[in-house]
Amino acid sequence: MENFTRFVMSNFTLTFLVIGLLCSLTVLSLNPKPLHKRQVIEALFSYFLLFSMGISFFYNFIMHVFFAEMVASFIGWKNSPFQYEVGYASLGFAVVGVVAFRQNVSFRAAAVIGPSLFLWGAAGGHIYQMITAHNYAPGNAGVIFWTDLILPIIAFVLLHQQYKQEKVGFENEQ
């Protein structure tokens, strides 16, 4: 059980992605059938934003600010003031992610663009560290690296799908 807990806490980006998906599926299972595409996209996107952007980035804030030495070691770095900068940037993304949970596509676009660029930039930093410093620590080259690449893709796909659904809804109202 200790190893499982360590895996879940160390790979929090994957953990919160799965929790968001499970919440989405739960909400959808409780909705009257048949489900409409708009309902499915709303459930998937809203819980993705809440968990993968909001809560996940809040967890990142806590870890980088209050447990900086441990996080630096997990990533394969020495602790530095950069830890706190990452932490407070994560806090900003967390707040926007939580607020975006029940917002329109325009607000959600802002909640996706900033964190996605941050994550892709972090992935670039991980690649650089793997190549130049041979840093294959779990916090640099493990699940975190892969979710830094994949979460923005999921976010942009969901954003595009919601945009299409809102556009169709708007056109049907005309």
N, C-alpha and C. Protein backbone atom coordinates (compact mmCIF):
# COMPACT_ATOMS: atom_id res chain seq x y z
N MET A 1 0.82 -1.19 0.00
CA MET A 1 0.00 0.00 0.00
C MET A 1 0.87 1.26 0.00
N GLU A 2 2.00 1.18 0.69
CA GLU A 2 2.90 2.33 0.74
C GLU A 2 3.44 2.67 -0.65
N ASN A 3 3.80 1.65 -1.42
CA ASN A 3 4.30 1.88 -2.78
C ASN A 3 3.22 2.49 -3.67
N PHE A 4 2.00 2.02 -3.52
CA PHE A 4 0.89 2.56 -4.30
C PHE A 4 0.67 4.03 -3.96
N THR A 5 0.66 4.34 -2.67
CA THR A 5 0.47 5.73 -2.23
C THR A 5 1.60 6.61 -2.76
N ARG A 6 2.82 6.12 -2.68
CA ARG A 6 3.96 6.88 -3.19
C ARG A 6 3.81 7.13 -4.69
N PHE A 7 3.39 6.10 -5.44
CA PHE A 7 3.19 6.26 -6.88
C PHE A 7 2.12 7.31 -7.18
N VAL A 8 1.00 7.22 -6.47
CA VAL A 8 -0.12 8.16 -6.68
C VAL A 8 0.31 9.59 -6.38
N MET A 9 1.01 9.79 -5.28
CA MET A 9 1.41 11.14 -4.88
C MET A 9 2.55 11.67 -5.75
N SER A 10 3.44 10.82 -6.18
CA SER A 10 4.58 11.25 -7.01
C SER A 10 4.17 11.52 -8.44
N ASN A 11 3.13 10.86 -8.89
CA ASN A 11 2.65 11.01 -10.26
C ASN A 11 1.27 11.66 -10.26
N PHE A 12 1.19 12.75 -9.52
CA PHE A 12 -0.09 13.43 -9.27
C PHE A 12 -0.78 13.90 -10.53
N THR A 13 -0.03 14.22 -11.57
CA THR A 13 -0.68 14.69 -12.80
C THR A 13 -1.51 13.56 -13.42
N LEU A 14 -1.00 12.36 -13.40
CA LEU A 14 -1.75 11.20 -13.88
C LEU A 14 -2.91 10.89 -12.92
N THR A 15 -2.63 10.96 -11.64
CA THR A 15 -3.66 10.70 -10.62
C THR A 15 -4.86 11.62 -10.80
N PHE A 16 -4.61 12.92 -10.94
CA PHE A 16 -5.72 13.86 -11.06
C PHE A 16 -6.42 13.75 -12.42
N LEU A 17 -5.70 13.35 -13.45
CA LEU A 17 -6.34 13.09 -14.74
C LEU A 17 -7.34 11.94 -14.60
N VAL A 18 -6.93 10.88 -13.94
CA VAL A 18 -7.80 9.72 -13.74
C VAL A 18 -8.99 10.08 -12.85
N ILE A 19 -8.75 10.82 -11.78
CA ILE A 19 -9.86 11.23 -10.91
C ILE A 19 -10.86 12.08 -11.68
N GLY A 20 -10.38 13.00 -12.49
CA GLY A 20 -11.28 13.83 -13.30
C GLY A 20 -12.10 12.99 -14.26
N LEU A 21 -11.46 12.01 -14.88
CA LEU A 21 -12.17 11.12 -15.81
C LEU A 21 -13.23 10.31 -15.05
N LEU A 22 -12.88 9.80 -13.89
CA LEU A 22 -13.85 9.04 -13.09
C LEU A 22 -15.03 9.91 -12.66
N CYS A 23 -14.77 11.14 -12.27
CA CYS A 23 -15.86 12.06 -11.91
C CYS A 23 -16.75 12.34 -13.12
N SER A 24 -16.14 12.54 -14.29
CA SER A 24 -16.91 12.77 -15.52
C SER A 24 -17.82 11.58 -15.81
N LEU A 25 -17.26 10.38 -15.72
CA LEU A 25 -18.04 9.18 -16.01
C LEU A 25 -19.17 9.00 -14.99
N THR A 26 -18.90 9.34 -13.74
CA THR A 26 -19.94 9.26 -12.71
C THR A 26 -21.08 10.22 -13.01
N VAL A 27 -20.75 11.47 -13.32
CA VAL A 27 -21.77 12.47 -13.65
C VAL A 27 -22.57 12.02 -14.86
N LEU A 28 -21.88 11.54 -15.88
CA LEU A 28 -22.58 11.10 -17.09
C LEU A 28 -23.48 9.90 -16.83
N SER A 29 -23.04 9.02 -15.95
CA SER A 29 -23.87 7.84 -15.65
C SER A 29 -25.15 8.23 -14.90
N LEU A 30 -25.12 9.36 -14.23
CA LEU A 30 -26.29 9.83 -13.48
C LEU A 30 -27.23 10.68 -14.34
N ASN A 31 -26.77 11.15 -15.49
CA ASN A 31 -27.60 11.98 -16.38
C ASN A 31 -28.63 11.11 -17.08
N PRO A 32 -29.79 11.72 -17.39
CA PRO A 32 -30.80 10.98 -18.16
C PRO A 32 -30.24 10.60 -19.54
N LYS A 33 -30.68 9.44 -20.01
CA LYS A 33 -30.22 8.96 -21.31
C LYS A 33 -31.29 9.28 -22.35
N PRO A 34 -30.99 9.44 -23.60
CA PRO A 34 -29.66 9.34 -24.19
C PRO A 34 -28.84 10.59 -23.90
N LEU A 35 -27.55 10.39 -23.84
CA LEU A 35 -26.65 11.52 -23.64
C LEU A 35 -26.40 12.22 -24.97
N HIS A 36 -26.25 13.51 -24.91
CA HIS A 36 -25.92 14.29 -26.10
C HIS A 36 -24.43 14.59 -26.07
N LYS A 37 -23.84 14.76 -27.25
CA LYS A 37 -22.41 15.03 -27.36
C LYS A 37 -22.02 16.23 -26.50
N ARG A 38 -22.85 17.24 -26.48
CA ARG A 38 -22.57 18.45 -25.69
C ARG A 38 -22.42 18.13 -24.20
N GLN A 39 -23.27 17.24 -23.69
CA GLN A 39 -23.20 16.84 -22.27
C GLN A 39 -21.90 16.09 -21.98
N VAL A 40 -21.52 15.21 -22.89
CA VAL A 40 -20.31 14.41 -22.70
C VAL A 40 -19.08 15.32 -22.69
N ILE A 41 -19.02 16.21 -23.66
CA ILE A 41 -17.88 17.13 -23.74
C ILE A 41 -17.83 18.02 -22.50
N GLU A 42 -18.98 18.54 -22.08
CA GLU A 42 -19.03 19.39 -20.88
C GLU A 42 -18.51 18.64 -19.65
N ALA A 43 -18.97 17.42 -19.48
CA ALA A 43 -18.53 16.65 -18.31
C ALA A 43 -17.02 16.37 -18.37
N LEU A 44 -16.55 15.91 -19.51
CA LEU A 44 -15.13 15.61 -19.64
C LEU A 44 -14.27 16.85 -19.45
N PHE A 45 -14.67 17.96 -20.08
CA PHE A 45 -13.85 19.17 -20.03
C PHE A 45 -13.90 19.82 -18.66
N SER A 46 -15.08 19.92 -18.08
CA SER A 46 -15.18 20.61 -16.79
C SER A 46 -14.38 19.89 -15.71
N TYR A 47 -14.48 18.56 -15.67
CA TYR A 47 -13.74 17.83 -14.64
C TYR A 47 -12.25 17.74 -14.97
N PHE A 48 -11.91 17.77 -16.25
CA PHE A 48 -10.50 17.88 -16.63
C PHE A 48 -9.92 19.19 -16.09
N LEU A 49 -10.65 20.29 -16.31
CA LEU A 49 -10.18 21.59 -15.83
C LEU A 49 -10.09 21.62 -14.31
N LEU A 50 -11.09 21.09 -13.64
CA LEU A 50 -11.09 21.10 -12.18
C LEU A 50 -9.93 20.30 -11.61
N PHE A 51 -9.73 19.09 -12.12
CA PHE A 51 -8.71 18.22 -11.53
C PHE A 51 -7.32 18.37 -12.17
N SER A 52 -7.23 18.32 -13.50
CA SER A 52 -5.91 18.36 -14.14
C SER A 52 -5.31 19.74 -14.19
N MET A 53 -6.12 20.77 -14.15
CA MET A 53 -5.59 22.14 -14.11
C MET A 53 -5.71 22.72 -12.71
N GLY A 54 -6.90 22.69 -12.13
CA GLY A 54 -7.11 23.32 -10.84
C GLY A 54 -6.41 22.62 -9.68
N ILE A 55 -6.87 21.43 -9.36
CA ILE A 55 -6.36 20.74 -8.16
C ILE A 55 -4.92 20.27 -8.36
N SER A 56 -4.60 19.80 -9.56
CA SER A 56 -3.24 19.33 -9.83
C SER A 56 -2.22 20.46 -9.68
N PHE A 57 -2.54 21.63 -10.22
CA PHE A 57 -1.62 22.76 -10.09
C PHE A 57 -1.58 23.28 -8.64
N PHE A 58 -2.68 23.14 -7.91
CA PHE A 58 -2.66 23.53 -6.50
C PHE A 58 -1.74 22.59 -5.71
N TYR A 59 -1.82 21.31 -6.01
CA TYR A 59 -0.92 20.33 -5.39
C TYR A 59 0.53 20.67 -5.73
N ASN A 60 0.77 21.04 -6.99
CA ASN A 60 2.11 21.43 -7.42
C ASN A 60 2.59 22.66 -6.64
N PHE A 61 1.70 23.62 -6.44
CA PHE A 61 2.03 24.80 -5.63
C PHE A 61 2.48 24.38 -4.23
N ILE A 62 1.68 23.56 -3.58
CA ILE A 62 1.99 23.12 -2.21
C ILE A 62 3.35 22.42 -2.17
N MET A 63 3.57 21.52 -3.11
CA MET A 63 4.81 20.74 -3.10
C MET A 63 6.04 21.63 -3.36
N HIS A 64 5.96 22.51 -4.36
CA HIS A 64 7.13 23.33 -4.70
C HIS A 64 7.41 24.41 -3.65
N VAL A 65 6.38 24.88 -2.97
CA VAL A 65 6.59 25.96 -2.00
C VAL A 65 6.90 25.42 -0.61
N PHE A 66 6.16 24.40 -0.17
CA PHE A 66 6.31 23.93 1.21
C PHE A 66 7.20 22.70 1.36
N PHE A 67 7.45 22.01 0.26
CA PHE A 67 8.31 20.82 0.30
C PHE A 67 9.37 20.91 -0.80
N ALA A 68 9.92 22.10 -0.95
CA ALA A 68 10.83 22.41 -2.06
C ALA A 68 12.04 21.49 -2.11
N GLU A 69 12.64 21.22 -0.98
CA GLU A 69 13.84 20.36 -0.95
C GLU A 69 13.53 18.96 -1.46
N MET A 70 12.41 18.40 -1.00
CA MET A 70 12.01 17.05 -1.41
C MET A 70 11.70 17.02 -2.92
N VAL A 71 10.98 18.02 -3.41
CA VAL A 71 10.61 18.08 -4.83
C VAL A 71 11.86 18.24 -5.69
N ALA A 72 12.77 19.10 -5.29
CA ALA A 72 14.00 19.28 -6.05
C ALA A 72 14.76 17.96 -6.16
N SER A 73 14.83 17.23 -5.09
CA SER A 73 15.50 15.94 -5.09
C SER A 73 14.80 14.96 -6.03
N PHE A 74 13.46 14.94 -6.00
CA PHE A 74 12.67 14.05 -6.86
C PHE A 74 12.90 14.37 -8.33
N ILE A 75 13.07 15.65 -8.65
CA ILE A 75 13.28 16.07 -10.03
C ILE A 75 14.75 15.85 -10.45
N GLY A 76 15.63 15.74 -9.46
CA GLY A 76 17.05 15.58 -9.77
C GLY A 76 17.79 16.90 -9.80
N TRP A 77 17.24 17.89 -9.09
CA TRP A 77 17.82 19.22 -9.02
C TRP A 77 18.33 19.50 -7.62
N LYS A 78 19.05 20.60 -7.51
CA LYS A 78 19.33 21.19 -6.21
C LYS A 78 18.23 22.21 -5.96
N ASN A 79 17.88 22.40 -4.71
CA ASN A 79 16.84 23.38 -4.39
C ASN A 79 17.32 24.79 -4.76
N SER A 80 16.40 25.60 -5.23
CA SER A 80 16.74 26.97 -5.60
C SER A 80 15.49 27.83 -5.49
N PRO A 81 15.65 29.15 -5.60
CA PRO A 81 14.48 30.03 -5.58
C PRO A 81 13.50 29.74 -6.73
N PHE A 82 13.98 29.08 -7.77
CA PHE A 82 13.12 28.72 -8.89
C PHE A 82 11.95 27.85 -8.43
N GLN A 83 12.17 27.04 -7.41
CA GLN A 83 11.10 26.19 -6.87
C GLN A 83 9.88 27.04 -6.48
N TYR A 84 10.14 28.16 -5.84
CA TYR A 84 9.04 29.01 -5.38
C TYR A 84 8.36 29.71 -6.55
N GLU A 85 9.13 30.07 -7.56
CA GLU A 85 8.53 30.68 -8.74
C GLU A 85 7.59 29.70 -9.43
N VAL A 86 8.02 28.46 -9.59
CA VAL A 86 7.16 27.42 -10.16
C VAL A 86 5.92 27.23 -9.28
N GLY A 87 6.13 27.23 -7.99
CA GLY A 87 5.01 27.06 -7.06
C GLY A 87 3.97 28.15 -7.19
N TYR A 88 4.40 29.39 -7.23
CA TYR A 88 3.43 30.48 -7.30
C TYR A 88 2.81 30.61 -8.69
N ALA A 89 3.53 30.26 -9.74
CA ALA A 89 2.90 30.20 -11.07
C ALA A 89 1.83 29.12 -11.06
N SER A 90 2.12 28.00 -10.42
CA SER A 90 1.15 26.91 -10.31
C SER A 90 -0.09 27.35 -9.54
N LEU A 91 0.09 28.16 -8.52
CA LEU A 91 -1.07 28.66 -7.77
C LEU A 91 -1.97 29.48 -8.68
N GLY A 92 -1.40 30.33 -9.51
CA GLY A 92 -2.20 31.12 -10.45
C GLY A 92 -2.96 30.22 -11.42
N PHE A 93 -2.30 29.22 -11.97
CA PHE A 93 -2.97 28.29 -12.88
C PHE A 93 -4.06 27.51 -12.16
N ALA A 94 -3.81 27.16 -10.91
CA ALA A 94 -4.80 26.42 -10.12
C ALA A 94 -6.08 27.21 -9.95
N VAL A 95 -5.95 28.47 -9.60
CA VAL A 95 -7.13 29.32 -9.39
C VAL A 95 -7.93 29.44 -10.68
N VAL A 96 -7.24 29.68 -11.79
CA VAL A 96 -7.94 29.80 -13.07
C VAL A 96 -8.60 28.47 -13.45
N GLY A 97 -7.93 27.36 -13.20
CA GLY A 97 -8.51 26.05 -13.50
C GLY A 97 -9.77 25.76 -12.71
N VAL A 98 -9.76 26.10 -11.43
CA VAL A 98 -10.95 25.88 -10.60
C VAL A 98 -12.09 26.79 -11.05
N VAL A 99 -11.80 28.05 -11.30
CA VAL A 99 -12.84 28.98 -11.74
C VAL A 99 -13.41 28.54 -13.09
N ALA A 100 -12.56 28.00 -13.98
CA ALA A 100 -12.99 27.59 -15.32
C ALA A 100 -13.92 26.39 -15.29
N PHE A 101 -14.00 25.71 -14.17
CA PHE A 101 -14.84 24.51 -14.03
C PHE A 101 -16.25 24.75 -14.56
N ARG A 102 -16.83 25.89 -14.30
CA ARG A 102 -18.20 26.19 -14.72
C ARG A 102 -18.28 27.47 -15.55
N GLN A 103 -17.35 27.65 -16.48
CA GLN A 103 -17.33 28.86 -17.30
C GLN A 103 -17.56 28.54 -18.78
N ASN A 104 -17.60 29.58 -19.58
CA ASN A 104 -17.80 29.43 -21.02
C ASN A 104 -16.48 29.11 -21.72
N VAL A 105 -16.59 28.89 -23.03
CA VAL A 105 -15.43 28.46 -23.81
C VAL A 105 -14.33 29.52 -23.83
N SER A 106 -14.68 30.80 -23.80
CA SER A 106 -13.66 31.84 -23.82
C SER A 106 -12.81 31.82 -22.56
N PHE A 107 -13.46 31.71 -21.41
CA PHE A 107 -12.71 31.65 -20.16
C PHE A 107 -11.89 30.37 -20.12
N ARG A 108 -12.47 29.29 -20.59
CA ARG A 108 -11.75 28.01 -20.59
C ARG A 108 -10.54 28.04 -21.51
N ALA A 109 -10.61 28.81 -22.59
CA ALA A 109 -9.45 28.94 -23.47
C ALA A 109 -8.28 29.53 -22.68
N ALA A 110 -8.55 30.55 -21.88
CA ALA A 110 -7.49 31.15 -21.06
C ALA A 110 -6.96 30.15 -20.04
N ALA A 111 -7.87 29.32 -19.51
CA ALA A 111 -7.47 28.32 -18.51
C ALA A 111 -6.63 27.21 -19.12
N VAL A 112 -6.67 27.06 -20.43
CA VAL A 112 -5.92 26.02 -21.12
C VAL A 112 -4.61 26.55 -21.69
N ILE A 113 -4.64 27.74 -22.28
CA ILE A 113 -3.47 28.25 -22.99
C ILE A 113 -2.27 28.46 -22.07
N GLY A 114 -2.44 29.19 -20.98
CA GLY A 114 -1.32 29.46 -20.08
C GLY A 114 -0.68 28.20 -19.51
N PRO A 115 -1.48 27.34 -18.86
CA PRO A 115 -0.88 26.12 -18.31
C PRO A 115 -0.29 25.20 -19.37
N SER A 116 -0.89 25.16 -20.55
CA SER A 116 -0.35 24.30 -21.62
C SER A 116 1.03 24.76 -22.06
N LEU A 117 1.19 26.06 -22.23
CA LEU A 117 2.51 26.57 -22.60
C LEU A 117 3.52 26.31 -21.49
N PHE A 118 3.09 26.47 -20.26
CA PHE A 118 3.94 26.17 -19.10
C PHE A 118 4.37 24.70 -19.13
N LEU A 119 3.40 23.79 -19.34
CA LEU A 119 3.70 22.36 -19.34
C LEU A 119 4.62 21.98 -20.50
N TRP A 120 4.35 22.52 -21.69
CA TRP A 120 5.24 22.21 -22.82
C TRP A 120 6.63 22.80 -22.60
N GLY A 121 6.71 23.97 -21.97
CA GLY A 121 8.01 24.53 -21.63
C GLY A 121 8.74 23.66 -20.62
N ALA A 122 7.99 23.15 -19.64
CA ALA A 122 8.59 22.23 -18.65
C ALA A 122 9.07 20.96 -19.33
N ALA A 123 8.30 20.44 -20.27
CA ALA A 123 8.71 19.23 -21.01
C ALA A 123 10.01 19.50 -21.77
N GLY A 124 10.10 20.68 -22.37
CA GLY A 124 11.34 21.06 -23.05
C GLY A 124 12.51 21.10 -22.09
N GLY A 125 12.27 21.63 -20.90
CA GLY A 125 13.30 21.65 -19.86
C GLY A 125 13.70 20.25 -19.43
N HIS A 126 12.73 19.36 -19.34
CA HIS A 126 13.03 17.97 -18.97
C HIS A 126 13.90 17.31 -20.05
N ILE A 127 13.54 17.54 -21.31
CA ILE A 127 14.33 16.96 -22.41
C ILE A 127 15.76 17.50 -22.37
N TYR A 128 15.88 18.80 -22.17
CA TYR A 128 17.21 19.41 -22.09
C TYR A 128 18.02 18.77 -20.95
N GLN A 129 17.38 18.57 -19.80
CA GLN A 129 18.07 17.96 -18.66
C GLN A 129 18.45 16.50 -18.95
N MET A 130 17.59 15.79 -19.66
CA MET A 130 17.91 14.40 -20.01
C MET A 130 19.12 14.34 -20.94
N ILE A 131 19.17 15.26 -21.89
CA ILE A 131 20.25 15.24 -22.88
C ILE A 131 21.56 15.78 -22.30
N THR A 132 21.50 16.92 -21.63
CA THR A 132 22.74 17.57 -21.20
C THR A 132 23.25 17.08 -19.86
N ALA A 133 22.35 16.76 -18.93
CA ALA A 133 22.77 16.36 -17.59
C ALA A 133 22.52 14.88 -17.32
N HIS A 134 21.98 14.16 -18.31
CA HIS A 134 21.64 12.75 -18.14
C HIS A 134 20.76 12.56 -16.90
N ASN A 135 19.82 13.50 -16.73
CA ASN A 135 18.92 13.48 -15.57
C ASN A 135 17.69 12.66 -15.92
N TYR A 136 17.68 11.42 -15.45
CA TYR A 136 16.55 10.53 -15.68
C TYR A 136 15.82 10.23 -14.37
N ALA A 137 15.89 11.18 -13.45
CA ALA A 137 15.15 11.04 -12.18
C ALA A 137 13.66 10.94 -12.50
N PRO A 138 12.89 10.23 -11.67
CA PRO A 138 11.46 10.06 -11.94
C PRO A 138 10.70 11.37 -12.11
N GLY A 139 11.10 12.39 -11.39
CA GLY A 139 10.42 13.68 -11.49
C GLY A 139 10.84 14.49 -12.70
N ASN A 140 11.81 14.00 -13.45
CA ASN A 140 12.26 14.68 -14.66
C ASN A 140 11.89 13.88 -15.91
N ALA A 141 12.07 12.57 -15.87
CA ALA A 141 11.90 11.76 -17.06
C ALA A 141 10.79 10.72 -16.93
N GLY A 142 10.03 10.77 -15.86
CA GLY A 142 8.99 9.77 -15.65
C GLY A 142 7.62 10.22 -16.13
N VAL A 143 6.61 9.84 -15.39
CA VAL A 143 5.22 10.15 -15.72
C VAL A 143 5.01 11.65 -15.88
N ILE A 144 5.66 12.44 -15.04
CA ILE A 144 5.50 13.89 -15.10
C ILE A 144 5.89 14.42 -16.49
N PHE A 145 6.98 13.93 -17.03
CA PHE A 145 7.40 14.35 -18.36
C PHE A 145 6.32 14.05 -19.39
N TRP A 146 5.79 12.84 -19.36
CA TRP A 146 4.79 12.44 -20.35
C TRP A 146 3.49 13.22 -20.19
N THR A 147 3.07 13.47 -18.96
CA THR A 147 1.84 14.25 -18.80
C THR A 147 2.08 15.72 -19.15
N ASP A 148 3.30 16.20 -19.01
CA ASP A 148 3.60 17.57 -19.48
C ASP A 148 3.36 17.68 -20.98
N LEU A 149 3.58 16.61 -21.70
CA LEU A 149 3.34 16.61 -23.14
C LEU A 149 1.87 16.36 -23.48
N ILE A 150 1.24 15.43 -22.79
CA ILE A 150 -0.09 14.94 -23.17
C ILE A 150 -1.24 15.79 -22.64
N LEU A 151 -1.12 16.32 -21.43
CA LEU A 151 -2.24 17.10 -20.86
C LEU A 151 -2.62 18.30 -21.73
N PRO A 152 -1.66 19.06 -22.26
CA PRO A 152 -2.07 20.16 -23.15
C PRO A 152 -2.80 19.68 -24.41
N ILE A 153 -2.40 18.54 -24.94
CA ILE A 153 -3.08 18.00 -26.12
C ILE A 153 -4.53 17.68 -25.77
N ILE A 154 -4.73 17.01 -24.64
CA ILE A 154 -6.10 16.70 -24.20
C ILE A 154 -6.88 18.00 -24.00
N ALA A 155 -6.25 18.98 -23.37
CA ALA A 155 -6.92 20.25 -23.10
C ALA A 155 -7.36 20.94 -24.39
N PHE A 156 -6.48 20.98 -25.37
CA PHE A 156 -6.82 21.66 -26.63
C PHE A 156 -7.88 20.88 -27.42
N VAL A 157 -7.84 19.56 -27.36
CA VAL A 157 -8.88 18.76 -28.03
C VAL A 157 -10.24 19.04 -27.39
N LEU A 158 -10.29 19.04 -26.06
CA LEU A 158 -11.55 19.31 -25.36
C LEU A 158 -12.02 20.75 -25.62
N LEU A 159 -11.10 21.69 -25.62
CA LEU A 159 -11.45 23.08 -25.90
C LEU A 159 -12.05 23.20 -27.30
N HIS A 160 -11.42 22.57 -28.26
CA HIS A 160 -11.92 22.61 -29.64
C HIS A 160 -13.31 21.97 -29.73
N GLN A 161 -13.49 20.85 -29.05
CA GLN A 161 -14.79 20.19 -29.07
C GLN A 161 -15.87 21.06 -28.44
N GLN A 162 -15.55 21.72 -27.33
CA GLN A 162 -16.55 22.60 -26.72
C GLN A 162 -16.85 23.78 -27.63
N TYR A 163 -15.83 24.33 -28.26
CA TYR A 163 -16.02 25.44 -29.19
C TYR A 163 -16.97 25.03 -30.31
N LYS A 164 -16.74 23.84 -30.88
CA LYS A 164 -17.60 23.36 -31.96
C LYS A 164 -19.05 23.19 -31.47
N GLN A 165 -19.22 22.68 -30.27
CA GLN A 165 -20.57 22.48 -29.74
C GLN A 165 -21.27 23.80 -29.47
N GLU A 166 -20.53 24.77 -28.95
CA GLU A 166 -21.13 26.09 -28.71
C GLU A 166 -21.47 26.77 -30.03
N LYS A 167 -20.62 26.59 -31.03
CA LYS A 167 -20.87 27.18 -32.35
C LYS A 167 -22.13 26.56 -32.96
N VAL A 168 -22.27 25.25 -32.86
CA VAL A 168 -23.46 24.56 -33.38
C VAL A 168 -24.70 25.04 -32.64
N GLY A 169 -24.58 25.15 -31.32
CA GLY A 169 -25.71 25.64 -30.51
C GLY A 169 -26.10 27.05 -30.89
N PHE A 170 -25.12 27.90 -31.13
CA PHE A 170 -25.39 29.29 -31.52
C PHE A 170 -26.06 29.34 -32.89
N GLU A 171 -25.56 28.53 -33.82
CA GLU A 171 -26.13 28.51 -35.16
C GLU A 171 -27.56 28.00 -35.16
N ASN A 172 -27.87 27.04 -34.28
CA ASN A 172 -29.23 26.50 -34.18
C ASN A 172 -30.19 27.51 -33.59
N GLU A 173 -29.68 28.44 -32.79
CA GLU A 173 -30.53 29.47 -32.18
C GLU A 173 -30.88 30.57 -33.17
N GLN A 174 -30.12 30.69 -34.25
CA GLN A 174 -30.35 31.77 -35.23
C GLN A 174 -31.58 31.52 -36.07
